[in-house]
Structures are given as C-alpha cells and as structure tokens.
Amino acid sequence: MIAQQLLNGLVLGGVYALFALGFTLIFGIHRIMNMAHGAVFMTGAFIGLYTVRAGMPLWVALPVAMVGAGLVSILIEMIAFKPLRKLALADAELASIISSIGAGLIVLSIGQYVSKTETMRFPFGTVSVQAMEVLGLRVTMLQLLMLAVAVLGVGLLAFYLYRTAQGRQIRAVAGNYRAAQLLGVNPDAIFYQTFFLSGALAGAAGVMVGLAFNAVQFLMGEPFLLKAFVAIIIGGLGSVPGALIGGLVLGLLQSLSAAYLPSLLVDAVIFMLLFVILMIRPDGLFAQAVLESPTKRV
C-alpha cells in the first residue's frame, strides 16, 4: 500500500516540479513573483484540449500546448513586466506582482469566456485507461506518460541551462545583470527565453493535470499556483534544483497524507511542513543569494 502511494506521489510530484520550475525560473532571472503563472498553466490545458478535440493525437497536442502557453507567457512579459523595467520604482517588486495579477485576471477572463465557465473534458480514449502490474504496483499508462513528460521536461531544461550558449547567457544574467550586459548579452532576449521556457513547462503540466483529472476549467491553475509557491519556498527561491526537490516532496507528502489521513487535513500537513522548513531554514533547502531586481534597473 505504501509503495503504491509513493509511486502516486512521485508522479504527482513530477507535475508539481514542472509547474514550480517555471515559476522559480522567472524569479531566478527577474527576482519577481509571476502571479499569472497559474493562468498560463490553464491556457496550456485548454490549448491541449482543443487540439485533441480537433482530431490531433496527444503527441501533437502536447507540444502545441507548450508552444502556445510559452507564447502567452511572453505576451505577459511584454505587457506586465517589460514596461516596469524602464521605470525606477521604489516598490518595483510590489508593482510587478500587482501587474502580473492583473495580467493573470485578463487571461482567466478569456478562459472563462471561451469555456462559458463549464468544466471541459478530454475525449474518451485520449490515453489508455488500462493498468498493468509492475513489481506488485498498479501502474496506468497515464501515470507513465506523466512521469515521462516530467522527466523529459526537467532533463531538457537542465540541458538547455547548463549545456548551451543560451543557457550560459541566462545564468550570466541571473548572476550579474550589469556584467552580462557589458559582455554583450541582450537582456530582453534572455527575458523572452525564460518566459517562454516557464510558460512551456506550465503548459505541459496543465495538459497532464487536465488528463489526470479529466477536467479542464478556467480556475484550475489557482490551486496549483499556491502549491508551486509552497514548493519553491521549501526548495529555496530562485533555485532550480530546489524547485525540483520541493515539487517531489510536495507530491509525495500529499499522496501519503491523502491515503492515511482525513482529506480535510491534507493541506494542513503541507503547510505545517512549510512552517517547519521556514523555522529551520528560512531561505529554503537550496537557498540562493537574492540579487537586485531587473525592475529596479534603468
């Protein structure tokens, strides 16, 4: 029983990790909280759903959803964040949070209008519902797909950040914005890249969650935004490995709590863990130095 719950938690944690990685990637570069990230997650789920309904297979719908969510994320960067970087604001972080909340509400309103507030579902048979026995564990094709997407997403992000020239530029901007500029790095191009990557990861997570619960609706991203916030606080703000570990810990904890505790206590256990982590390590398990926000730079 506990082995089965660990497997379920690992699969769920992989999806949390995808979502949290995109969230922490923006903080790592911009030093801001993108509160529109949940709306991008929802957008990816809707794009994937409509692509499948149009007759496309899931292996086509998933990358389409990732690209679509990435483009929406870039649009949010252009509308909500880029103008603030040109202003010398005393409360730049607060202004950026408020701006991102407004952008997220616009995207949510569009999703509400498109869906007419209805809960929409993927066509039957989009993913096989058959289960198989592996080492005494019940494993479904959907679980294997979710795990594969999470591993592939994390692996591609790590390769991009640590094995490509563009990834080195992203890390240079995150480490020292002004020095990167002096070396010829175009910060705007880096910001667009990170927002696209963040949105693509959120879009993939949105499709997986939509398939897992077979429910897509315009508010589906808000609970995940809160859980992602918990994950990156546990892992450490701005830390990519921290977001990965935080997402996995969160998924395992939620799965075990749901199996062995009353359902009303699941969220309580998660936030109790958050409080304990904050008391022991206030900066998170993989804390990084907080640098100057780009919104303060003229």
Protein backbone atom coordinates (compact mmCIF):
# COMPACT_ATOMS: atom_id res chain seq x y z
CA MET A 1 0.00 0.00 0.00
CA ILE A 2 2.69 2.49 0.96
CA ALA A 3 4.73 1.61 -2.15
CA GLN A 4 1.71 2.37 -4.31
CA GLN A 5 1.23 5.73 -2.60
CA LEU A 6 4.91 6.54 -3.08
CA LEU A 7 4.53 5.85 -6.79
CA ASN A 8 1.43 8.03 -6.96
CA GLY A 9 3.22 10.77 -5.06
CA LEU A 10 6.24 10.59 -7.34
CA VAL A 11 4.03 11.02 -10.42
CA LEU A 12 2.12 13.92 -8.85
CA GLY A 13 5.36 15.45 -7.60
CA GLY A 14 6.78 15.38 -11.12
CA VAL A 15 3.89 17.54 -12.34
CA TYR A 16 4.31 19.89 -9.37
CA ALA A 17 8.01 20.10 -10.21
CA LEU A 18 7.28 21.08 -13.84
CA PHE A 19 4.98 23.85 -12.68
CA ALA A 20 7.31 25.03 -9.91
CA LEU A 21 10.36 25.01 -12.20
CA GLY A 22 8.72 27.54 -14.49
CA PHE A 23 7.71 29.65 -11.52
CA THR A 24 11.17 29.68 -9.95
CA LEU A 25 12.90 30.24 -13.30
CA ILE A 26 11.22 33.64 -13.58
CA PHE A 27 12.18 34.53 -10.03
CA GLY A 28 15.74 33.41 -10.62
CA ILE A 29 16.15 35.83 -13.55
CA HIS A 30 13.75 38.67 -12.77
CA ARG A 31 13.60 38.46 -8.95
CA ILE A 32 9.82 38.82 -9.17
CA MET A 33 6.83 36.60 -8.49
CA ASN A 34 4.84 35.91 -11.65
CA MET A 35 1.34 35.57 -10.24
CA ALA A 36 -0.01 34.99 -13.77
CA HIS A 37 1.74 31.61 -13.91
CA GLY A 38 -1.44 29.75 -12.93
CA ALA A 39 -3.30 31.38 -15.82
CA VAL A 40 -0.57 30.22 -18.23
CA PHE A 41 -0.97 26.69 -16.79
CA MET A 42 -4.70 26.89 -17.50
CA THR A 43 -4.04 28.19 -21.02
CA GLY A 44 -1.83 25.20 -21.82
CA ALA A 45 -4.54 22.80 -20.65
CA PHE A 46 -7.16 24.48 -22.85
CA ILE A 47 -4.89 24.55 -25.91
CA GLY A 48 -4.11 20.86 -25.44
CA LEU A 49 -7.80 20.04 -25.01
CA TYR A 50 -8.94 21.91 -28.11
CA THR A 51 -6.09 20.45 -30.17
CA VAL A 52 -7.15 16.92 -29.21
CA ARG A 53 -10.80 17.76 -29.91
CA ALA A 54 -9.76 18.99 -33.35
CA GLY A 55 -8.65 15.44 -34.13
CA MET A 56 -4.94 15.70 -33.38
CA PRO A 57 -3.22 12.96 -31.35
CA LEU A 58 -1.92 13.73 -27.89
CA TRP A 59 1.72 13.61 -29.02
CA VAL A 60 0.90 16.58 -31.29
CA ALA A 61 -1.37 18.37 -28.80
CA LEU A 62 1.25 18.40 -26.03
CA PRO A 63 3.96 20.36 -27.91
CA VAL A 64 1.29 22.65 -29.39
CA ALA A 65 0.07 23.40 -25.86
CA MET A 66 3.63 24.04 -24.67
CA VAL A 67 4.36 26.44 -27.53
CA GLY A 68 1.01 28.20 -27.09
CA ALA A 69 1.48 28.60 -23.33
CA GLY A 70 5.05 29.80 -23.91
CA LEU A 71 3.84 32.50 -26.32
CA VAL A 72 1.16 33.62 -23.86
CA SER A 73 3.87 33.83 -21.19
CA ILE A 74 5.99 36.04 -23.49
CA LEU A 75 2.96 38.26 -24.07
CA ILE A 76 2.55 38.64 -20.31
CA GLU A 77 6.22 39.60 -20.03
CA MET A 78 5.79 42.28 -22.71
CA ILE A 79 2.63 43.72 -21.17
CA ALA A 80 3.10 43.29 -17.43
CA PHE A 81 6.86 43.33 -16.78
CA LYS A 82 8.83 44.97 -19.56
CA PRO A 83 7.32 48.47 -19.03
CA LEU A 84 8.22 48.29 -15.32
CA ARG A 85 11.89 47.62 -16.06
CA LYS A 86 12.09 51.03 -17.71
CA LEU A 87 10.86 52.78 -14.57
CA ALA A 88 12.87 53.48 -11.44
CA LEU A 89 10.20 52.47 -8.93
CA ALA A 90 10.75 52.44 -5.18
CA ASP A 91 8.42 49.42 -4.83
CA ALA A 92 9.26 47.67 -8.09
CA GLU A 93 8.63 44.17 -6.73
CA LEU A 94 5.18 45.09 -5.43
CA ALA A 95 4.34 46.84 -8.70
CA SER A 96 5.37 43.79 -10.71
CA ILE A 97 3.28 41.46 -8.54
CA ILE A 98 0.21 43.68 -8.95
CA SER A 99 0.85 43.92 -12.69
CA SER A 100 1.14 40.14 -13.03
CA ILE A 101 -2.06 39.64 -11.04
CA GLY A 102 -3.84 41.96 -13.47
CA ALA A 103 -2.42 40.11 -16.48
CA GLY A 104 -3.45 36.79 -14.95
CA LEU A 105 -7.01 38.02 -14.40
CA ILE A 106 -7.23 39.04 -18.06
CA VAL A 107 -6.16 35.55 -19.17
CA LEU A 108 -8.59 33.97 -16.69
CA SER A 109 -11.42 36.12 -18.03
CA ILE A 110 -10.65 34.98 -21.56
CA GLY A 111 -10.64 31.35 -20.39
CA GLN A 112 -13.94 31.89 -18.60
CA TYR A 113 -15.48 33.40 -21.72
CA VAL A 114 -14.20 30.65 -24.03
CA SER A 115 -15.33 27.82 -21.75
CA LYS A 116 -18.55 29.55 -20.60
CA THR A 117 -17.46 28.55 -17.05
CA GLU A 118 -18.05 24.88 -17.91
CA THR A 119 -15.75 22.04 -16.91
CA MET A 120 -14.50 20.51 -20.14
CA ARG A 121 -13.14 17.00 -20.64
CA PHE A 122 -10.74 15.23 -22.96
CA PRO A 123 -12.36 12.74 -25.38
CA PHE A 124 -12.59 9.19 -24.08
CA GLY A 125 -9.58 7.16 -25.11
CA THR A 126 -7.15 10.06 -25.36
CA VAL A 127 -4.92 7.99 -23.07
CA SER A 128 -5.47 4.30 -22.46
CA VAL A 129 -7.20 3.60 -19.14
CA GLN A 130 -5.72 0.11 -18.88
CA ALA A 131 -3.48 -0.60 -15.91
CA MET A 132 -0.63 -3.07 -15.57
CA GLU A 133 1.06 -4.79 -12.67
CA VAL A 134 4.74 -3.87 -12.25
CA LEU A 135 6.54 -5.33 -9.21
CA GLY A 136 3.22 -5.60 -7.43
CA LEU A 137 2.28 -1.98 -8.18
CA ARG A 138 -0.70 -0.88 -10.26
CA VAL A 139 0.60 1.43 -12.98
CA THR A 140 -1.56 3.13 -15.60
CA MET A 141 -0.48 4.44 -18.99
CA LEU A 142 -1.39 7.94 -17.85
CA GLN A 143 0.97 7.67 -14.88
CA LEU A 144 3.77 6.52 -17.16
CA LEU A 145 3.04 9.40 -19.52
CA MET A 146 3.01 11.96 -16.70
CA LEU A 147 6.28 10.62 -15.32
CA ALA A 148 7.89 10.59 -18.77
CA VAL A 149 6.79 14.16 -19.51
CA ALA A 150 8.11 15.36 -16.14
CA VAL A 151 11.48 13.63 -16.57
CA LEU A 152 11.80 14.83 -20.18
CA GLY A 153 10.83 18.40 -19.23
CA VAL A 154 13.32 18.57 -16.38
CA GLY A 155 16.04 16.96 -18.47
CA LEU A 156 15.58 19.32 -21.42
CA LEU A 157 15.55 22.35 -19.14
CA ALA A 158 18.75 21.21 -17.41
CA PHE A 159 20.41 20.58 -20.78
CA TYR A 160 19.35 24.00 -22.07
CA LEU A 161 20.55 25.84 -18.98
CA TYR A 162 23.86 24.02 -18.48
CA ARG A 163 24.90 22.74 -21.90
CA THR A 164 24.01 25.51 -24.39
CA ALA A 165 25.31 29.01 -25.10
CA GLN A 166 21.85 30.45 -24.50
CA GLY A 167 21.71 28.71 -21.15
CA ARG A 168 25.06 30.21 -20.16
CA GLN A 169 23.71 33.64 -21.03
CA ILE A 170 20.63 33.03 -18.89
CA ARG A 171 22.81 32.03 -15.95
CA ALA A 172 25.05 35.05 -16.55
CA VAL A 173 22.08 37.44 -16.39
CA ALA A 174 20.83 35.70 -13.25
CA GLY A 175 24.26 36.00 -11.63
CA ASN A 176 25.13 39.58 -12.57
CA TYR A 177 22.83 41.61 -14.79
CA ARG A 178 25.21 44.52 -15.45
CA ALA A 179 28.26 42.34 -16.09
CA ALA A 180 26.26 40.26 -18.58
CA GLN A 181 25.25 43.45 -20.41
CA LEU A 182 28.87 44.59 -20.59
CA LEU A 183 29.78 41.23 -22.13
CA GLY A 184 27.25 41.77 -24.91
CA VAL A 185 24.29 39.74 -23.63
CA ASN A 186 20.91 41.12 -24.71
CA PRO A 187 18.77 41.07 -21.53
CA ASP A 188 15.47 41.39 -23.41
CA ALA A 189 16.23 38.25 -25.42
CA ILE A 190 17.05 36.42 -22.19
CA PHE A 191 13.82 37.57 -20.58
CA TYR A 192 11.81 36.33 -23.57
CA GLN A 193 13.59 32.97 -23.45
CA THR A 194 12.96 32.44 -19.76
CA PHE A 195 9.32 33.42 -20.01
CA PHE A 196 8.85 31.07 -22.95
CA LEU A 197 10.52 28.19 -21.08
CA SER A 198 8.46 28.95 -17.99
CA GLY A 199 5.22 29.01 -19.97
CA ALA A 200 6.08 25.84 -21.88
CA LEU A 201 6.69 23.92 -18.64
CA ALA A 202 3.44 25.25 -17.19
CA GLY A 203 1.58 24.28 -20.38
CA ALA A 204 2.90 20.71 -20.21
CA ALA A 205 1.88 20.48 -16.55
CA GLY A 206 -1.58 21.85 -17.41
CA VAL A 207 -2.19 19.16 -20.04
CA MET A 208 -1.04 16.42 -17.67
CA VAL A 209 -3.29 17.64 -14.86
CA GLY A 210 -6.22 18.00 -17.27
CA LEU A 211 -5.73 14.39 -18.34
CA ALA A 212 -5.19 13.12 -14.79
CA PHE A 213 -8.48 14.56 -13.53
CA ASN A 214 -10.16 14.63 -16.97
CA ALA A 215 -11.30 18.14 -16.14
CA VAL A 216 -10.24 21.46 -17.63
CA GLN A 217 -11.74 24.69 -16.34
CA PHE A 218 -10.65 28.31 -16.12
CA LEU A 219 -9.76 28.29 -12.40
CA MET A 220 -7.72 25.08 -12.45
CA GLY A 221 -4.39 26.90 -12.20
CA GLU A 222 -5.01 28.78 -8.96
CA PRO A 223 -4.65 25.84 -6.52
CA PHE A 224 -1.51 24.75 -8.35
CA LEU A 225 -0.09 28.26 -8.12
CA LEU A 226 -0.39 28.07 -4.34
CA LYS A 227 1.18 24.60 -4.24
CA ALA A 228 4.03 25.75 -6.51
CA PHE A 229 4.65 28.67 -4.18
CA VAL A 230 4.97 26.22 -1.29
CA ALA A 231 7.33 24.04 -3.35
CA ILE A 232 9.72 26.85 -4.23
CA ILE A 233 9.71 28.19 -0.67
CA ILE A 234 10.67 24.72 0.56
CA GLY A 235 13.35 24.36 -2.11
CA GLY A 236 14.63 27.93 -1.99
CA LEU A 237 13.58 30.91 -4.08
CA GLY A 238 15.34 31.02 -7.43
CA SER A 239 16.87 27.53 -7.10
CA VAL A 240 16.13 25.17 -10.00
CA PRO A 241 17.21 22.03 -8.05
CA GLY A 242 15.22 23.34 -5.09
CA ALA A 243 12.05 23.64 -7.17
CA LEU A 244 12.52 20.08 -8.40
CA ILE A 245 13.05 18.67 -4.91
CA GLY A 246 10.28 20.83 -3.46
CA GLY A 247 7.80 19.63 -6.08
CA LEU A 248 8.64 15.98 -5.48
CA VAL A 249 8.43 16.38 -1.69
CA LEU A 250 5.08 18.12 -2.04
CA GLY A 251 3.67 15.38 -4.29
CA LEU A 252 4.84 12.58 -2.00
CA LEU A 253 3.52 14.33 1.09
CA GLN A 254 0.14 14.99 -0.50
CA SER A 255 -0.23 11.41 -1.71
CA LEU A 256 0.72 9.89 1.66
CA SER A 257 -1.46 12.35 3.58
CA ALA A 258 -4.47 11.65 1.36
CA ALA A 259 -4.04 7.89 1.88
CA TYR A 260 -3.58 7.83 5.65
CA LEU A 261 -5.22 11.00 6.97
CA PRO A 262 -8.68 12.58 6.67
CA SER A 263 -8.97 14.59 3.45
CA LEU A 264 -9.51 17.83 5.36
CA LEU A 265 -6.04 17.52 6.91
CA VAL A 266 -4.06 17.13 3.66
CA ASP A 267 -3.49 20.85 3.11
CA ALA A 268 -2.86 21.35 6.82
CA VAL A 269 0.01 18.83 6.71
CA ILE A 270 1.51 20.53 3.65
CA PHE A 271 1.52 23.96 5.26
CA MET A 272 2.79 22.56 8.56
CA LEU A 273 5.80 21.26 6.63
CA LEU A 274 6.24 24.72 5.14
CA PHE A 275 6.26 26.30 8.61
CA VAL A 276 8.78 23.75 9.90
CA ILE A 277 11.11 24.34 6.93
CA LEU A 278 10.87 28.11 7.39
CA MET A 279 11.75 27.80 11.07
CA ILE A 280 14.77 25.56 10.39
CA ARG A 281 15.96 27.11 7.13
CA PRO A 282 14.14 30.39 6.44
CA ASP A 283 15.70 30.68 2.96
CA GLY A 284 14.71 27.17 1.90
CA LEU A 285 16.70 23.97 1.47
CA PHE A 286 18.67 25.20 -1.55
CA ALA A 287 18.73 28.92 -0.87
CA GLN A 288 20.47 31.28 -3.27
CA ALA A 289 21.61 34.83 -2.77
CA VAL A 290 18.91 37.37 -3.64
CA LEU A 291 20.21 39.79 -6.25
CA GLU A 292 18.91 43.12 -7.42
CA SER A 293 15.63 43.01 -9.34
CA PRO A 294 15.79 43.94 -13.03
CA THR A 295 12.73 46.13 -12.49
CA LYS A 296 14.93 48.46 -10.45
CA ARG A 297 17.47 48.90 -13.19
CA VAL A 298 17.15 51.79 -15.60
